[in-house]
Amino acid sequence: MHSFTQLVESFEERFINTLPFPPQPDTLYEPCRYLLHLGGKRIRPVLCLMANELFGEINNDAWHAADAIELFHNFTLIHDDIMDKAPLRRGKPTVHDKYGMTAGILGGDVMCIYSYEHLSNIGASLPLIMHLFNKTAIEVCEGQQLDMDFELRNDVSIDEYIRMITLKTSVLLASSLKIGGLLGGATEGNTNKLYEFGKNLGIAFQLQDDYLDAYGVSDKLGKQQGGDIKSNKKTFLLLNALEHANDSQAKQIKELLQTDSDNKVSAMLSLFSATGADKACKEMMGQYSNMAFKCLEDVAALSKRKSHLHEIASYLLQRDK
C-alpha cells in the first residue's frame, strides 16, 4: 500500500513528464503547461489511485483515469478563474491574467479534450467509466452555472448552496474515488460507498475552503483573501449571516453587498462573527466530515488498506482524529 505522499510523487513525475501537448502552437499550449507546472495537491487523481489500490495493485487503467481527472480538473480551474475574475491561482497569476482571455478560453478547451483522450486509453469497463465521467462533467458545469446565477439572486437558500457546491466541487472527488474502485473490480456497494465518502468529503472541504477564503492568511492560501466577499459570492457564511441577522445587521450586510469599499472584507467578517455564521460554518463542516468518515468505514475492505485514505481525508479537513 502507498501513502498519499508517495502516490503524489509518483503521479507528479509521470504526469508532468508525459504531458500530451505538442510544441506548436506555443500560444495555445504554453498556458496549459504553465498551469500544470504550478503543481497543486493532485488530490483527485491520487484519490482515484488510492481507491484502486483498496482492492489490489494499481493497474494501468487507473493511471490513465487519474491523468484524465487531473486534466479535466485543471480545465475547470482555468475557466472558473475567468468567470470569477480571479487574479491568483496557487500563488501565481491566473492563466487569463498572464496570457490573456483568449488563451484562457482555448487553453481550457483543449485541456478538456485531452482529458478524454487519456480516458480513451482505458481498457476495462470503458462505457461505464465514460458514462460516469460525462455525468460528472455535466454536473460540474451545472454547479458552476448555479454559482454564477446565485450572484444575481437575493433569495438563495442554504439547501441550494449545498446543492451547488455538491455539483461544483464534490462530485468530481466522489467520481474519482468511484472510478478507481470500479477499475479495481470493486462491488457496486463498495463503489457507491466510496462515492458517498468523496461527496461528503468534498462538501466539508468546500465549506472549509469558504471559511479559509474569509478568515485565512493570503500568503498561505496562495490566493486573494476575501475574494468571495469582494465578489458577493453566496457562500454558507453569507447565507447563514443573512438568515440569523437582526434588522440592523441585515441592513449592513445588504449595504456592503452594494459597495466595493476598502473596508468591505473586514466589515463583513465582523458581521459574520456577530451573527454566528463563522461558528455555524465550522459546525456544518463537522457534520459532513463525520458522514464522510462513516461512509469510508462502511467500505468492505481491510482497515489497513483504508488507513491512507483516512489519513489524507483527516489532513484535508484538518482533523486530529
C-alpha atoms as a PDB file:
ATOM      1  CA  MET A   1       0.000   0.000   0.000  1.00  0.00           C
ATOM      2  CA  HIS A   2       1.187   3.504  -0.830  1.00  0.00           C
ATOM      3  CA  SER A   3       0.681   6.643   1.217  1.00  0.00           C
ATOM      4  CA  PHE A   4      -0.883   9.749  -0.285  1.00  0.00           C
ATOM      5  CA  THR A   5       2.524  11.456  -0.382  1.00  0.00           C
ATOM      6  CA  GLN A   6       4.117   8.528  -2.194  1.00  0.00           C
ATOM      7  CA  LEU A   7       1.367   8.436  -4.787  1.00  0.00           C
ATOM      8  CA  VAL A   8       1.506  12.211  -5.285  1.00  0.00           C
ATOM      9  CA  GLU A   9       5.225  11.923  -6.051  1.00  0.00           C
ATOM     10  CA  SER A  10       4.689   9.019  -8.433  1.00  0.00           C
ATOM     11  CA  PHE A  11       1.765  10.696 -10.162  1.00  0.00           C
ATOM     12  CA  GLU A  12       3.545  14.054 -10.425  1.00  0.00           C
ATOM     13  CA  GLU A  13       6.608  12.544 -12.081  1.00  0.00           C
ATOM     14  CA  ARG A  14       4.550  10.537 -14.544  1.00  0.00           C
ATOM     15  CA  PHE A  15       2.047  13.297 -15.258  1.00  0.00           C
ATOM     16  CA  ILE A  16       4.448  16.190 -15.827  1.00  0.00           C
ATOM     17  CA  ASN A  17       6.880  14.092 -17.868  1.00  0.00           C
ATOM     18  CA  THR A  18       4.147  12.802 -20.178  1.00  0.00           C
ATOM     19  CA  LEU A  19       2.057  15.908 -20.804  1.00  0.00           C
ATOM     20  CA  PRO A  20       0.347  15.352 -24.153  1.00  0.00           C
ATOM     21  CA  PHE A  21       0.735  18.868 -25.537  1.00  0.00           C
ATOM     22  CA  PRO A  22       2.715  19.325 -28.772  1.00  0.00           C
ATOM     23  CA  PRO A  23       5.200  22.203 -29.096  1.00  0.00           C
ATOM     24  CA  GLN A  24       3.093  24.238 -31.529  1.00  0.00           C
ATOM     25  CA  PRO A  25       1.154  26.436 -31.492  1.00  0.00           C
ATOM     26  CA  ASP A  26       3.009  27.590 -28.409  1.00  0.00           C
ATOM     27  CA  THR A  27       0.439  30.314 -27.768  1.00  0.00           C
ATOM     28  CA  LEU A  28      -2.144  27.562 -27.177  1.00  0.00           C
ATOM     29  CA  TYR A  29      -0.119  25.014 -25.228  1.00  0.00           C
ATOM     30  CA  GLU A  30       2.279  27.135 -23.169  1.00  0.00           C
ATOM     31  CA  PRO A  31      -0.555  28.449 -20.927  1.00  0.00           C
ATOM     32  CA  CYS A  32      -1.588  24.817 -20.305  1.00  0.00           C
ATOM     33  CA  ARG A  33       1.943  23.798 -19.401  1.00  0.00           C
ATOM     34  CA  TYR A  34       2.255  26.886 -17.196  1.00  0.00           C
ATOM     35  CA  LEU A  35      -0.745  25.979 -15.065  1.00  0.00           C
ATOM     36  CA  LEU A  36       0.087  22.289 -14.767  1.00  0.00           C
ATOM     37  CA  HIS A  37       3.682  23.057 -13.765  1.00  0.00           C
ATOM     38  CA  LEU A  38       2.392  25.222 -10.919  1.00  0.00           C
ATOM     39  CA  GLY A  39       1.669  21.940  -9.191  1.00  0.00           C
ATOM     40  CA  GLY A  40      -1.294  21.652  -6.875  1.00  0.00           C
ATOM     41  CA  LYS A  41      -2.259  18.983  -4.393  1.00  0.00           C
ATOM     42  CA  ARG A  42      -3.244  16.446  -7.095  1.00  0.00           C
ATOM     43  CA  ILE A  43      -5.976  15.298  -4.710  1.00  0.00           C
ATOM     44  CA  ARG A  44      -8.467  13.974  -7.242  1.00  0.00           C
ATOM     45  CA  PRO A  45      -6.190  11.780  -9.360  1.00  0.00           C
ATOM     46  CA  VAL A  46      -4.445  10.373  -6.316  1.00  0.00           C
ATOM     47  CA  LEU A  47      -7.783   9.540  -4.669  1.00  0.00           C
ATOM     48  CA  CYS A  48      -8.577   7.565  -7.829  1.00  0.00           C
ATOM     49  CA  LEU A  49      -5.311   5.646  -7.439  1.00  0.00           C
ATOM     50  CA  MET A  50      -5.860   5.087  -3.716  1.00  0.00           C
ATOM     51  CA  ALA A  51      -9.377   3.743  -4.289  1.00  0.00           C
ATOM     52  CA  ASN A  52      -7.996   1.425  -6.954  1.00  0.00           C
ATOM     53  CA  GLU A  53      -5.374   0.116  -4.526  1.00  0.00           C
ATOM     54  CA  LEU A  54      -8.021  -0.722  -1.935  1.00  0.00           C
ATOM     55  CA  PHE A  55      -8.816  -3.808  -3.996  1.00  0.00           C
ATOM     56  CA  GLY A  56      -5.410  -4.849  -5.370  1.00  0.00           C
ATOM     57  CA  GLU A  57      -2.384  -3.486  -7.185  1.00  0.00           C
ATOM     58  CA  ILE A  58      -2.794  -0.184  -9.018  1.00  0.00           C
ATOM     59  CA  ASN A  59      -3.408  -1.013 -12.669  1.00  0.00           C
ATOM     60  CA  ASN A  60      -2.643   0.895 -15.862  1.00  0.00           C
ATOM     61  CA  ASP A  61      -6.283   1.816 -16.391  1.00  0.00           C
ATOM     62  CA  ALA A  62      -6.291   3.653 -13.061  1.00  0.00           C
ATOM     63  CA  TRP A  63      -3.245   5.691 -14.127  1.00  0.00           C
ATOM     64  CA  HIS A  64      -4.966   6.681 -17.378  1.00  0.00           C
ATOM     65  CA  ALA A  65      -8.089   7.666 -15.441  1.00  0.00           C
ATOM     66  CA  ALA A  66      -6.018   9.687 -12.965  1.00  0.00           C
ATOM     67  CA  ASP A  67      -4.389  11.621 -15.827  1.00  0.00           C
ATOM     68  CA  ALA A  68      -7.815  12.347 -17.335  1.00  0.00           C
ATOM     69  CA  ILE A  69      -9.214  13.506 -13.999  1.00  0.00           C
ATOM     70  CA  GLU A  70      -6.336  15.920 -13.354  1.00  0.00           C
ATOM     71  CA  LEU A  71      -6.520  17.415 -16.841  1.00  0.00           C
ATOM     72  CA  PHE A  72     -10.274  17.876 -16.520  1.00  0.00           C
ATOM     73  CA  HIS A  73      -9.936  19.452 -13.079  1.00  0.00           C
ATOM     74  CA  ASN A  74      -7.363  21.970 -14.313  1.00  0.00           C
ATOM     75  CA  PHE A  75      -9.551  22.811 -17.299  1.00  0.00           C
ATOM     76  CA  THR A  76     -12.309  23.772 -14.855  1.00  0.00           C
ATOM     77  CA  LEU A  77      -9.875  25.898 -12.850  1.00  0.00           C
ATOM     78  CA  ILE A  78      -8.879  27.939 -15.908  1.00  0.00           C
ATOM     79  CA  HIS A  79     -12.479  28.695 -16.821  1.00  0.00           C
ATOM     80  CA  ASP A  80     -13.576  29.238 -13.209  1.00  0.00           C
ATOM     81  CA  ASP A  81     -10.820  31.828 -12.783  1.00  0.00           C
ATOM     82  CA  ILE A  82     -12.054  33.648 -15.886  1.00  0.00           C
ATOM     83  CA  MET A  83     -15.641  33.721 -14.625  1.00  0.00           C
ATOM     84  CA  ASP A  84     -14.545  34.725 -11.127  1.00  0.00           C
ATOM     85  CA  LYS A  85     -12.103  37.354 -12.464  1.00  0.00           C
ATOM     86  CA  ALA A  86      -9.538  35.820 -10.118  1.00  0.00           C
ATOM     87  CA  PRO A  87      -6.002  37.302 -10.261  1.00  0.00           C
ATOM     88  CA  LEU A  88      -4.193  34.443  -8.485  1.00  0.00           C
ATOM     89  CA  ARG A  89      -4.074  30.655  -8.678  1.00  0.00           C
ATOM     90  CA  ARG A  90      -1.652  28.730  -6.446  1.00  0.00           C
ATOM     91  CA  GLY A  91       0.059  31.992  -5.576  1.00  0.00           C
ATOM     92  CA  LYS A  92       0.794  32.898  -9.216  1.00  0.00           C
ATOM     93  CA  PRO A  93      -1.057  34.895 -11.885  1.00  0.00           C
ATOM     94  CA  THR A  94      -4.019  33.043 -13.349  1.00  0.00           C
ATOM     95  CA  VAL A  95      -3.789  31.857 -16.952  1.00  0.00           C
ATOM     96  CA  HIS A  96      -6.087  34.535 -18.329  1.00  0.00           C
ATOM     97  CA  ASP A  97      -4.312  37.236 -16.307  1.00  0.00           C
ATOM     98  CA  LYS A  98      -0.881  36.183 -17.579  1.00  0.00           C
ATOM     99  CA  TYR A  99      -1.655  35.172 -21.166  1.00  0.00           C
ATOM    100  CA  GLY A 100      -4.951  36.870 -21.960  1.00  0.00           C
ATOM    101  CA  MET A 101      -8.600  35.875 -22.166  1.00  0.00           C
ATOM    102  CA  THR A 102      -8.333  34.035 -25.498  1.00  0.00           C
ATOM    103  CA  ALA A 103      -5.509  31.847 -24.202  1.00  0.00           C
ATOM    104  CA  GLY A 104      -7.532  31.057 -21.101  1.00  0.00           C
ATOM    105  CA  ILE A 105     -10.630  30.012 -23.021  1.00  0.00           C
ATOM    106  CA  LEU A 106      -8.843  27.961 -25.688  1.00  0.00           C
ATOM    107  CA  GLY A 107      -6.333  26.505 -23.235  1.00  0.00           C
ATOM    108  CA  GLY A 108      -9.145  25.258 -21.047  1.00  0.00           C
ATOM    109  CA  ASP A 109     -10.976  23.839 -24.042  1.00  0.00           C
ATOM    110  CA  VAL A 110      -8.017  21.863 -25.345  1.00  0.00           C
ATOM    111  CA  MET A 111      -7.155  20.582 -21.875  1.00  0.00           C
ATOM    112  CA  CYS A 112     -10.684  19.207 -21.540  1.00  0.00           C
ATOM    113  CA  ILE A 113     -10.369  17.446 -24.905  1.00  0.00           C
ATOM    114  CA  TYR A 114      -7.043  15.892 -23.914  1.00  0.00           C
ATOM    115  CA  SER A 115      -8.646  14.578 -20.722  1.00  0.00           C
ATOM    116  CA  TYR A 116     -10.983  12.494 -22.890  1.00  0.00           C
ATOM    117  CA  GLU A 117      -8.026  11.352 -24.980  1.00  0.00           C
ATOM    118  CA  HIS A 118      -6.441   9.926 -21.811  1.00  0.00           C
ATOM    119  CA  LEU A 119      -9.723   8.366 -20.759  1.00  0.00           C
ATOM    120  CA  SER A 120      -9.997   6.571 -24.097  1.00  0.00           C
ATOM    121  CA  ASN A 121      -6.868   4.565 -23.201  1.00  0.00           C
ATOM    122  CA  ILE A 122      -8.784   2.655 -20.524  1.00  0.00           C
ATOM    123  CA  GLY A 123      -9.282  -0.978 -21.469  1.00  0.00           C
ATOM    124  CA  ALA A 124     -11.743  -2.238 -18.858  1.00  0.00           C
ATOM    125  CA  SER A 125     -15.336  -1.052 -18.361  1.00  0.00           C
ATOM    126  CA  LEU A 126     -14.799   1.969 -20.625  1.00  0.00           C
ATOM    127  CA  PRO A 127     -18.532   2.574 -21.386  1.00  0.00           C
ATOM    128  CA  LEU A 128     -19.343   2.551 -17.655  1.00  0.00           C
ATOM    129  CA  ILE A 129     -16.403   4.825 -16.808  1.00  0.00           C
ATOM    130  CA  MET A 130     -17.200   7.166 -19.695  1.00  0.00           C
ATOM    131  CA  HIS A 131     -20.829   7.458 -18.589  1.00  0.00           C
ATOM    132  CA  LEU A 132     -19.784   8.369 -15.051  1.00  0.00           C
ATOM    133  CA  PHE A 133     -17.141  10.815 -16.298  1.00  0.00           C
ATOM    134  CA  ASN A 134     -19.630  12.521 -18.635  1.00  0.00           C
ATOM    135  CA  LYS A 135     -22.294  12.698 -15.926  1.00  0.00           C
ATOM    136  CA  THR A 136     -19.768  14.279 -13.587  1.00  0.00           C
ATOM    137  CA  ALA A 137     -18.577  16.783 -16.202  1.00  0.00           C
ATOM    138  CA  ILE A 138     -22.160  17.904 -16.832  1.00  0.00           C
ATOM    139  CA  GLU A 139     -22.802  18.261 -13.094  1.00  0.00           C
ATOM    140  CA  VAL A 140     -19.648  20.348 -12.631  1.00  0.00           C
ATOM    141  CA  CYS A 141     -20.892  22.718 -15.356  1.00  0.00           C
ATOM    142  CA  GLU A 142     -24.316  22.867 -13.708  1.00  0.00           C
ATOM    143  CA  GLY A 143     -22.713  23.674 -10.367  1.00  0.00           C
ATOM    144  CA  GLN A 144     -20.604  26.449 -11.843  1.00  0.00           C
ATOM    145  CA  GLN A 145     -23.640  27.949 -13.560  1.00  0.00           C
ATOM    146  CA  LEU A 146     -25.609  27.872 -10.309  1.00  0.00           C
ATOM    147  CA  ASP A 147     -22.678  29.584  -8.583  1.00  0.00           C
ATOM    148  CA  MET A 148     -22.795  32.363 -11.164  1.00  0.00           C
ATOM    149  CA  ASP A 149     -26.607  32.554 -11.034  1.00  0.00           C
ATOM    150  CA  PHE A 150     -26.531  32.937  -7.261  1.00  0.00           C
ATOM    151  CA  GLU A 151     -24.567  36.173  -7.625  1.00  0.00           C
ATOM    152  CA  LEU A 152     -27.665  37.725  -9.204  1.00  0.00           C
ATOM    153  CA  ARG A 153     -30.162  36.382  -6.668  1.00  0.00           C
ATOM    154  CA  ASN A 154     -31.023  37.612  -3.201  1.00  0.00           C
ATOM    155  CA  ASP A 155     -33.135  34.625  -2.160  1.00  0.00           C
ATOM    156  CA  VAL A 156     -30.624  31.749  -2.246  1.00  0.00           C
ATOM    157  CA  SER A 157     -31.239  29.181   0.498  1.00  0.00           C
ATOM    158  CA  ILE A 158     -28.601  27.202   2.366  1.00  0.00           C
ATOM    159  CA  ASP A 159     -30.009  23.995   0.844  1.00  0.00           C
ATOM    160  CA  GLU A 160     -29.500  25.454  -2.630  1.00  0.00           C
ATOM    161  CA  TYR A 161     -25.968  26.409  -1.684  1.00  0.00           C
ATOM    162  CA  ILE A 162     -25.164  22.865  -0.530  1.00  0.00           C
ATOM    163  CA  ARG A 163     -26.594  21.535  -3.788  1.00  0.00           C
ATOM    164  CA  MET A 164     -24.412  23.943  -5.753  1.00  0.00           C
ATOM    165  CA  ILE A 165     -21.139  23.008  -4.034  1.00  0.00           C
ATOM    166  CA  THR A 166     -22.045  19.335  -4.319  1.00  0.00           C
ATOM    167  CA  LEU A 167     -22.190  19.733  -8.088  1.00  0.00           C
ATOM    168  CA  LYS A 168     -19.345  22.188  -8.495  1.00  0.00           C
ATOM    169  CA  THR A 169     -16.825  20.569  -6.155  1.00  0.00           C
ATOM    170  CA  SER A 170     -17.901  17.305  -4.563  1.00  0.00           C
ATOM    171  CA  VAL A 171     -18.992  15.155  -7.487  1.00  0.00           C
ATOM    172  CA  LEU A 172     -15.524  15.169  -9.063  1.00  0.00           C
ATOM    173  CA  LEU A 173     -13.956  13.967  -5.808  1.00  0.00           C
ATOM    174  CA  ALA A 174     -16.688  11.360  -5.491  1.00  0.00           C
ATOM    175  CA  SER A 175     -16.323  10.150  -9.065  1.00  0.00           C
ATOM    176  CA  SER A 176     -12.537   9.983  -8.795  1.00  0.00           C
ATOM    177  CA  LEU A 177     -12.911   7.513  -5.950  1.00  0.00           C
ATOM    178  CA  LYS A 178     -15.673   5.555  -7.647  1.00  0.00           C
ATOM    179  CA  ILE A 179     -13.744   5.277 -10.913  1.00  0.00           C
ATOM    180  CA  GLY A 180     -10.715   3.973  -9.024  1.00  0.00           C
ATOM    181  CA  GLY A 181     -12.867   1.391  -7.282  1.00  0.00           C
ATOM    182  CA  LEU A 182     -14.617   0.315 -10.477  1.00  0.00           C
ATOM    183  CA  LEU A 183     -11.276  -0.176 -12.221  1.00  0.00           C
ATOM    184  CA  GLY A 184     -10.123  -2.232  -9.239  1.00  0.00           C
ATOM    185  CA  GLY A 185     -13.061  -4.622  -9.601  1.00  0.00           C
ATOM    186  CA  ALA A 186     -14.947  -3.420  -6.515  1.00  0.00           C
ATOM    187  CA  THR A 187     -18.593  -4.321  -5.978  1.00  0.00           C
ATOM    188  CA  GLU A 188     -21.379  -1.851  -6.680  1.00  0.00           C
ATOM    189  CA  GLY A 189     -21.959  -1.463  -2.941  1.00  0.00           C
ATOM    190  CA  ASN A 190     -18.342  -0.574  -2.296  1.00  0.00           C
ATOM    191  CA  THR A 191     -18.080   1.860  -5.197  1.00  0.00           C
ATOM    192  CA  ASN A 192     -21.274   3.596  -4.049  1.00  0.00           C
ATOM    193  CA  LYS A 193     -19.843   3.943  -0.534  1.00  0.00           C
ATOM    194  CA  LEU A 194     -16.648   5.379  -1.994  1.00  0.00           C
ATOM    195  CA  TYR A 195     -18.748   7.840  -3.978  1.00  0.00           C
ATOM    196  CA  GLU A 196     -20.641   8.953  -0.855  1.00  0.00           C
ATOM    197  CA  PHE A 197     -17.369   9.228   1.047  1.00  0.00           C
ATOM    198  CA  GLY A 198     -15.998  11.537  -1.639  1.00  0.00           C
ATOM    199  CA  LYS A 199     -19.200  13.555  -1.931  1.00  0.00           C
ATOM    200  CA  ASN A 200     -19.410  14.310   1.785  1.00  0.00           C
ATOM    201  CA  LEU A 201     -15.669  14.902   1.973  1.00  0.00           C
ATOM    202  CA  GLY A 202     -15.988  17.385  -0.886  1.00  0.00           C
ATOM    203  CA  ILE A 203     -18.817  19.300   0.780  1.00  0.00           C
ATOM    204  CA  ALA A 204     -16.879  19.529   4.037  1.00  0.00           C
ATOM    205  CA  PHE A 205     -13.762  20.563   2.126  1.00  0.00           C
ATOM    206  CA  GLN A 206     -15.622  23.318   0.263  1.00  0.00           C
ATOM    207  CA  LEU A 207     -17.149  24.644   3.480  1.00  0.00           C
ATOM    208  CA  GLN A 208     -13.650  24.754   4.908  1.00  0.00           C
ATOM    209  CA  ASP A 209     -12.360  26.461   1.755  1.00  0.00           C
ATOM    210  CA  ASP A 210     -15.071  29.105   2.008  1.00  0.00           C
ATOM    211  CA  TYR A 211     -14.163  29.680   5.642  1.00  0.00           C
ATOM    212  CA  LEU A 212     -10.464  29.985   4.828  1.00  0.00           C
ATOM    213  CA  ASP A 213     -11.190  32.355   1.949  1.00  0.00           C
ATOM    214  CA  ALA A 214     -12.699  34.689   4.519  1.00  0.00           C
ATOM    215  CA  TYR A 215     -10.524  34.074   7.572  1.00  0.00           C
ATOM    216  CA  GLY A 216      -7.311  32.557   6.195  1.00  0.00           C
ATOM    217  CA  VAL A 217      -3.998  34.272   5.503  1.00  0.00           C
ATOM    218  CA  SER A 218      -3.488  35.246   1.858  1.00  0.00           C
ATOM    219  CA  ASP A 219       0.169  34.161   1.699  1.00  0.00           C
ATOM    220  CA  LYS A 220      -0.675  30.685   2.984  1.00  0.00           C
ATOM    221  CA  LEU A 221      -3.739  30.291   0.784  1.00  0.00           C
ATOM    222  CA  GLY A 222      -1.973  31.260  -2.410  1.00  0.00           C
ATOM    223  CA  LYS A 223      -4.956  33.325  -3.483  1.00  0.00           C
ATOM    224  CA  GLN A 224      -6.652  36.614  -2.728  1.00  0.00           C
ATOM    225  CA  GLN A 225      -8.044  36.756   0.813  1.00  0.00           C
ATOM    226  CA  GLY A 226     -11.700  37.710   0.993  1.00  0.00           C
ATOM    227  CA  GLY A 227     -12.199  37.104  -2.714  1.00  0.00           C
ATOM    228  CA  ASP A 228     -15.625  35.576  -2.139  1.00  0.00           C
ATOM    229  CA  ILE A 229     -16.710  38.600  -0.119  1.00  0.00           C
ATOM    230  CA  LYS A 230     -15.450  41.033  -2.760  1.00  0.00           C
ATOM    231  CA  SER A 231     -17.296  39.074  -5.459  1.00  0.00           C
ATOM    232  CA  ASN A 232     -20.513  38.865  -3.388  1.00  0.00           C
ATOM    233  CA  LYS A 233     -20.389  35.057  -3.551  1.00  0.00           C
ATOM    234  CA  LYS A 234     -23.351  33.360  -1.906  1.00  0.00           C
ATOM    235  CA  THR A 235     -21.276  31.271   0.477  1.00  0.00           C
ATOM    236  CA  PHE A 236     -22.554  29.447   3.549  1.00  0.00           C
ATOM    237  CA  LEU A 237     -21.125  32.272   5.671  1.00  0.00           C
ATOM    238  CA  LEU A 238     -23.105  34.961   3.885  1.00  0.00           C
ATOM    239  CA  LEU A 239     -26.338  32.977   3.675  1.00  0.00           C
ATOM    240  CA  ASN A 240     -26.188  31.941   7.315  1.00  0.00           C
ATOM    241  CA  ALA A 241     -25.402  35.501   8.385  1.00  0.00           C
ATOM    242  CA  LEU A 242     -28.433  36.813   6.486  1.00  0.00           C
ATOM    243  CA  GLU A 243     -30.638  34.095   7.963  1.00  0.00           C
ATOM    244  CA  HIS A 244     -29.685  34.938  11.561  1.00  0.00           C
ATOM    245  CA  ALA A 245     -29.069  38.684  11.304  1.00  0.00           C
ATOM    246  CA  ASN A 246     -31.233  41.180  13.153  1.00  0.00           C
ATOM    247  CA  ASP A 247     -32.690  44.090  11.195  1.00  0.00           C
ATOM    248  CA  SER A 248     -29.671  46.322  11.749  1.00  0.00           C
ATOM    249  CA  GLN A 249     -27.177  43.613  10.812  1.00  0.00           C
ATOM    250  CA  ALA A 250     -29.180  42.612   7.731  1.00  0.00           C
ATOM    251  CA  LYS A 251     -29.234  46.244   6.593  1.00  0.00           C
ATOM    252  CA  GLN A 252     -25.453  46.492   6.999  1.00  0.00           C
ATOM    253  CA  ILE A 253     -24.867  43.259   5.066  1.00  0.00           C
ATOM    254  CA  LYS A 254     -27.076  44.361   2.184  1.00  0.00           C
ATOM    255  CA  GLU A 255     -25.339  47.747   2.051  1.00  0.00           C
ATOM    256  CA  LEU A 256     -21.927  46.054   1.908  1.00  0.00           C
ATOM    257  CA  LEU A 257     -23.115  43.871  -0.973  1.00  0.00           C
ATOM    258  CA  GLN A 258     -23.712  47.063  -2.952  1.00  0.00           C
ATOM    259  CA  THR A 259     -20.264  48.554  -2.362  1.00  0.00           C
ATOM    260  CA  ASP A 260     -16.612  47.972  -3.235  1.00  0.00           C
ATOM    261  CA  SER A 261     -15.202  49.916  -0.316  1.00  0.00           C
ATOM    262  CA  ASP A 262     -11.740  49.229   1.107  1.00  0.00           C
ATOM    263  CA  ASN A 263     -13.211  48.005   4.402  1.00  0.00           C
ATOM    264  CA  LYS A 264     -15.759  45.658   2.796  1.00  0.00           C
ATOM    265  CA  VAL A 265     -13.956  42.463   3.812  1.00  0.00           C
ATOM    266  CA  SER A 266     -13.239  43.472   7.400  1.00  0.00           C
ATOM    267  CA  ALA A 267     -16.760  44.820   7.900  1.00  0.00           C
ATOM    268  CA  MET A 268     -18.357  41.658   6.510  1.00  0.00           C
ATOM    269  CA  LEU A 269     -16.131  39.455   8.684  1.00  0.00           C
ATOM    270  CA  SER A 270     -17.308  41.355  11.746  1.00  0.00           C
ATOM    271  CA  LEU A 271     -20.916  40.712  10.757  1.00  0.00           C
ATOM    272  CA  PHE A 272     -20.225  37.011  10.137  1.00  0.00           C
ATOM    273  CA  SER A 273     -18.875  36.746  13.671  1.00  0.00           C
ATOM    274  CA  ALA A 274     -21.668  38.821  15.197  1.00  0.00           C
ATOM    275  CA  THR A 275     -24.371  36.623  13.648  1.00  0.00           C
ATOM    276  CA  GLY A 276     -22.590  33.361  14.488  1.00  0.00           C
ATOM    277  CA  ALA A 277     -22.087  32.430  10.836  1.00  0.00           C
ATOM    278  CA  ASP A 278     -18.430  31.569  11.416  1.00  0.00           C
ATOM    279  CA  LYS A 279     -19.300  29.008  14.111  1.00  0.00           C
ATOM    280  CA  ALA A 280     -22.205  27.630  12.092  1.00  0.00           C
ATOM    281  CA  CYS A 281     -19.912  27.058   9.126  1.00  0.00           C
ATOM    282  CA  LYS A 282     -17.498  25.033  11.261  1.00  0.00           C
ATOM    283  CA  GLU A 283     -20.357  23.008  12.711  1.00  0.00           C
ATOM    284  CA  MET A 284     -21.753  22.204   9.261  1.00  0.00           C
ATOM    285  CA  MET A 285     -18.292  21.223   8.088  1.00  0.00           C
ATOM    286  CA  GLY A 286     -18.054  18.838  11.031  1.00  0.00           C
ATOM    287  CA  GLN A 287     -21.370  17.190  10.182  1.00  0.00           C
ATOM    288  CA  TYR A 288     -20.356  16.421   6.590  1.00  0.00           C
ATOM    289  CA  SER A 289     -16.919  15.348   7.739  1.00  0.00           C
ATOM    290  CA  ASN A 290     -18.451  12.801  10.106  1.00  0.00           C
ATOM    291  CA  MET A 291     -20.697  11.463   7.342  1.00  0.00           C
ATOM    292  CA  ALA A 292     -17.698  11.079   5.065  1.00  0.00           C
ATOM    293  CA  PHE A 293     -15.725   9.045   7.571  1.00  0.00           C
ATOM    294  CA  LYS A 294     -18.735   6.840   8.294  1.00  0.00           C
ATOM    295  CA  CYS A 295     -19.018   6.003   4.581  1.00  0.00           C
ATOM    296  CA  LEU A 296     -15.330   5.123   4.416  1.00  0.00           C
ATOM    297  CA  GLU A 297     -15.728   2.927   7.475  1.00  0.00           C
ATOM    298  CA  ASP A 298     -18.557   1.049   5.715  1.00  0.00           C
ATOM    299  CA  VAL A 299     -16.425   0.169   2.659  1.00  0.00           C
ATOM    300  CA  ALA A 300     -15.809  -3.586   2.781  1.00  0.00           C
ATOM    301  CA  ALA A 301     -12.025  -3.536   2.667  1.00  0.00           C
ATOM    302  CA  LEU A 302      -9.340  -4.263   5.228  1.00  0.00           C
ATOM    303  CA  SER A 303      -8.838  -1.416   7.695  1.00  0.00           C
ATOM    304  CA  LYS A 304      -5.120  -1.296   6.963  1.00  0.00           C
ATOM    305  CA  ARG A 305      -5.908  -0.770   3.277  1.00  0.00           C
ATOM    306  CA  LYS A 306      -8.232   2.132   4.138  1.00  0.00           C
ATOM    307  CA  SER A 307      -5.793   3.763   6.567  1.00  0.00           C
ATOM    308  CA  HIS A 308      -4.118   6.009   3.985  1.00  0.00           C
ATOM    309  CA  LEU A 309      -7.468   7.264   2.696  1.00  0.00           C
ATOM    310  CA  HIS A 310      -8.473   8.026   6.267  1.00  0.00           C
ATOM    311  CA  GLU A 311      -5.212   9.899   6.834  1.00  0.00           C
ATOM    312  CA  ILE A 312      -5.492  12.101   3.752  1.00  0.00           C
ATOM    313  CA  ALA A 313      -9.134  12.913   4.491  1.00  0.00           C
ATOM    314  CA  SER A 314      -8.160  13.883   8.033  1.00  0.00           C
ATOM    315  CA  TYR A 315      -5.366  16.049   6.675  1.00  0.00           C
ATOM    316  CA  LEU A 316      -7.601  17.790   4.145  1.00  0.00           C
ATOM    317  CA  LEU A 317     -10.175  18.570   6.830  1.00  0.00           C
ATOM    318  CA  GLN A 318      -7.550  19.430   9.445  1.00  0.00           C
ATOM    319  CA  ARG A 319      -8.928  16.802  11.803  1.00  0.00           C
ATOM    320  CA  ASP A 320      -6.943  15.403  14.713  1.00  0.00           C
ATOM    321  CA  LYS A 321      -8.829  12.125  14.671  1.00  0.00           C
END
